[in-house]
Amino acid sequence: MSVNVDSFLRQFQALSAEQQIKVAEAIDRLTWAGRWAAVCERISIRTKDVSPPTDEQVDEMVRTVRREKPLSERSLTPPS
């Protein structure tokens, strides 16, 4: 790490937990667009030579999930 980053981290660690959270949230807001663009780029690179699944493939994937875990077990609503 560079001296500036090390210095910043030392200053950050000296902050109270509440201040650290505020700084982290601000950094998150400032870097969100760049991080999202990087994720999209990685997805694009990984999928450029892959064709989307056919309807039949999607149907089979859905059937597999349903066989592995019934709806009652996948539901967020607890059984009555």
C-alpha atoms as a PDB file:
ATOM      1  CA  MET A   1       0.000   0.000   0.000  1.00  0.00           C
ATOM      2  CA  SER A   2       1.071   3.520  -0.591  1.00  0.00           C
ATOM      3  CA  VAL A   3       1.950   5.878   2.217  1.00  0.00           C
ATOM      4  CA  ASN A   4      -1.270   7.867   1.616  1.00  0.00           C
ATOM      5  CA  VAL A   5      -3.435   4.757   1.957  1.00  0.00           C
ATOM      6  CA  ASP A   6      -1.583   3.622   5.090  1.00  0.00           C
ATOM      7  CA  SER A   7      -2.012   7.085   6.577  1.00  0.00           C
ATOM      8  CA  PHE A   8      -5.703   7.119   5.735  1.00  0.00           C
ATOM      9  CA  LEU A   9      -6.210   3.671   7.266  1.00  0.00           C
ATOM     10  CA  ARG A  10      -4.509   4.772  10.480  1.00  0.00           C
ATOM     11  CA  GLN A  11      -6.768   7.835  10.619  1.00  0.00           C
ATOM     12  CA  PHE A  12      -9.800   5.663   9.852  1.00  0.00           C
ATOM     13  CA  GLN A  13      -8.964   3.232  12.646  1.00  0.00           C
ATOM     14  CA  ALA A  14      -8.696   6.139  15.074  1.00  0.00           C
ATOM     15  CA  LEU A  15     -12.320   7.109  14.384  1.00  0.00           C
ATOM     16  CA  SER A  16     -15.211   5.951  16.509  1.00  0.00           C
ATOM     17  CA  ALA A  17     -17.279   3.031  15.183  1.00  0.00           C
ATOM     18  CA  GLU A  18     -20.078   5.438  14.200  1.00  0.00           C
ATOM     19  CA  GLN A  19     -17.651   7.656  12.264  1.00  0.00           C
ATOM     20  CA  GLN A  20     -16.100   4.617  10.562  1.00  0.00           C
ATOM     21  CA  ILE A  21     -19.549   3.548   9.387  1.00  0.00           C
ATOM     22  CA  LYS A  22     -20.252   7.018   7.990  1.00  0.00           C
ATOM     23  CA  VAL A  23     -16.927   7.030   6.129  1.00  0.00           C
ATOM     24  CA  ALA A  24     -17.529   3.506   4.799  1.00  0.00           C
ATOM     25  CA  GLU A  25     -21.001   4.483   3.575  1.00  0.00           C
ATOM     26  CA  ALA A  26     -19.599   7.585   1.867  1.00  0.00           C
ATOM     27  CA  ILE A  27     -16.879   5.529   0.150  1.00  0.00           C
ATOM     28  CA  ASP A  28     -19.511   2.996  -0.889  1.00  0.00           C
ATOM     29  CA  ARG A  29     -21.598   5.763  -2.499  1.00  0.00           C
ATOM     30  CA  LEU A  30     -18.552   7.234  -4.239  1.00  0.00           C
ATOM     31  CA  THR A  31     -17.359   3.927  -5.671  1.00  0.00           C
ATOM     32  CA  TRP A  32     -20.664   2.168  -6.413  1.00  0.00           C
ATOM     33  CA  ALA A  33     -20.882   3.042 -10.113  1.00  0.00           C
ATOM     34  CA  GLY A  34     -17.313   1.960 -10.807  1.00  0.00           C
ATOM     35  CA  ARG A  35     -17.738  -1.308  -8.931  1.00  0.00           C
ATOM     36  CA  TRP A  36     -21.011  -2.024 -10.746  1.00  0.00           C
ATOM     37  CA  ALA A  37     -19.374  -1.341 -14.118  1.00  0.00           C
ATOM     38  CA  ALA A  38     -16.552  -3.751 -13.227  1.00  0.00           C
ATOM     39  CA  VAL A  39     -19.050  -6.486 -12.322  1.00  0.00           C
ATOM     40  CA  CYS A  40     -20.917  -5.957 -15.602  1.00  0.00           C
ATOM     41  CA  GLU A  41     -17.646  -6.120 -17.539  1.00  0.00           C
ATOM     42  CA  ARG A  42     -16.642  -9.401 -15.853  1.00  0.00           C
ATOM     43  CA  ILE A  43     -20.051 -10.883 -16.658  1.00  0.00           C
ATOM     44  CA  SER A  44     -19.766  -9.725 -20.257  1.00  0.00           C
ATOM     45  CA  ILE A  45     -16.316 -11.281 -20.641  1.00  0.00           C
ATOM     46  CA  ARG A  46     -17.397 -14.588 -19.089  1.00  0.00           C
ATOM     47  CA  THR A  47     -20.545 -14.892 -21.174  1.00  0.00           C
ATOM     48  CA  LYS A  48     -19.460 -13.548 -24.552  1.00  0.00           C
ATOM     49  CA  ASP A  49     -19.009 -17.047 -26.020  1.00  0.00           C
ATOM     50  CA  VAL A  50     -21.955 -18.610 -24.187  1.00  0.00           C
ATOM     51  CA  SER A  51     -25.397 -18.679 -25.709  1.00  0.00           C
ATOM     52  CA  PRO A  52     -28.383 -18.188 -23.430  1.00  0.00           C
ATOM     53  CA  PRO A  53     -30.136 -21.361 -22.274  1.00  0.00           C
ATOM     54  CA  THR A  54     -33.043 -22.630 -24.323  1.00  0.00           C
ATOM     55  CA  ASP A  55     -36.551 -22.685 -22.887  1.00  0.00           C
ATOM     56  CA  GLU A  56     -36.221 -26.438 -22.491  1.00  0.00           C
ATOM     57  CA  GLN A  57     -32.992 -26.055 -20.508  1.00  0.00           C
ATOM     58  CA  VAL A  58     -34.605 -23.460 -18.241  1.00  0.00           C
ATOM     59  CA  ASP A  59     -37.627 -25.728 -17.725  1.00  0.00           C
ATOM     60  CA  GLU A  60     -35.349 -28.618 -16.787  1.00  0.00           C
ATOM     61  CA  MET A  61     -33.408 -26.448 -14.321  1.00  0.00           C
ATOM     62  CA  VAL A  62     -36.678 -25.377 -12.703  1.00  0.00           C
ATOM     63  CA  ARG A  63     -37.882 -28.985 -12.482  1.00  0.00           C
ATOM     64  CA  THR A  64     -34.568 -29.999 -10.889  1.00  0.00           C
ATOM     65  CA  VAL A  65     -34.822 -27.299  -8.225  1.00  0.00           C
ATOM     66  CA  ARG A  66     -38.432 -28.231  -7.522  1.00  0.00           C
ATOM     67  CA  ARG A  67     -37.478 -31.897  -7.117  1.00  0.00           C
ATOM     68  CA  GLU A  68     -34.597 -31.014  -4.785  1.00  0.00           C
ATOM     69  CA  LYS A  69     -36.605 -28.627  -2.616  1.00  0.00           C
ATOM     70  CA  PRO A  70     -40.416 -28.499  -2.641  1.00  0.00           C
ATOM     71  CA  LEU A  71     -42.144 -25.119  -2.680  1.00  0.00           C
ATOM     72  CA  SER A  72     -43.013 -25.366   1.005  1.00  0.00           C
ATOM     73  CA  GLU A  73     -39.311 -25.589   1.829  1.00  0.00           C
ATOM     74  CA  ARG A  74     -38.358 -22.772  -0.577  1.00  0.00           C
ATOM     75  CA  SER A  75     -41.050 -20.386   0.668  1.00  0.00           C
ATOM     76  CA  LEU A  76     -40.188 -17.566   3.049  1.00  0.00           C
ATOM     77  CA  THR A  77     -43.606 -17.953   4.615  1.00  0.00           C
ATOM     78  CA  PRO A  78     -43.566 -20.461   7.467  1.00  0.00           C
ATOM     79  CA  PRO A  79     -46.072 -23.313   7.157  1.00  0.00           C
ATOM     80  CA  SER A  80     -49.307 -22.836   9.104  1.00  0.00           C
END
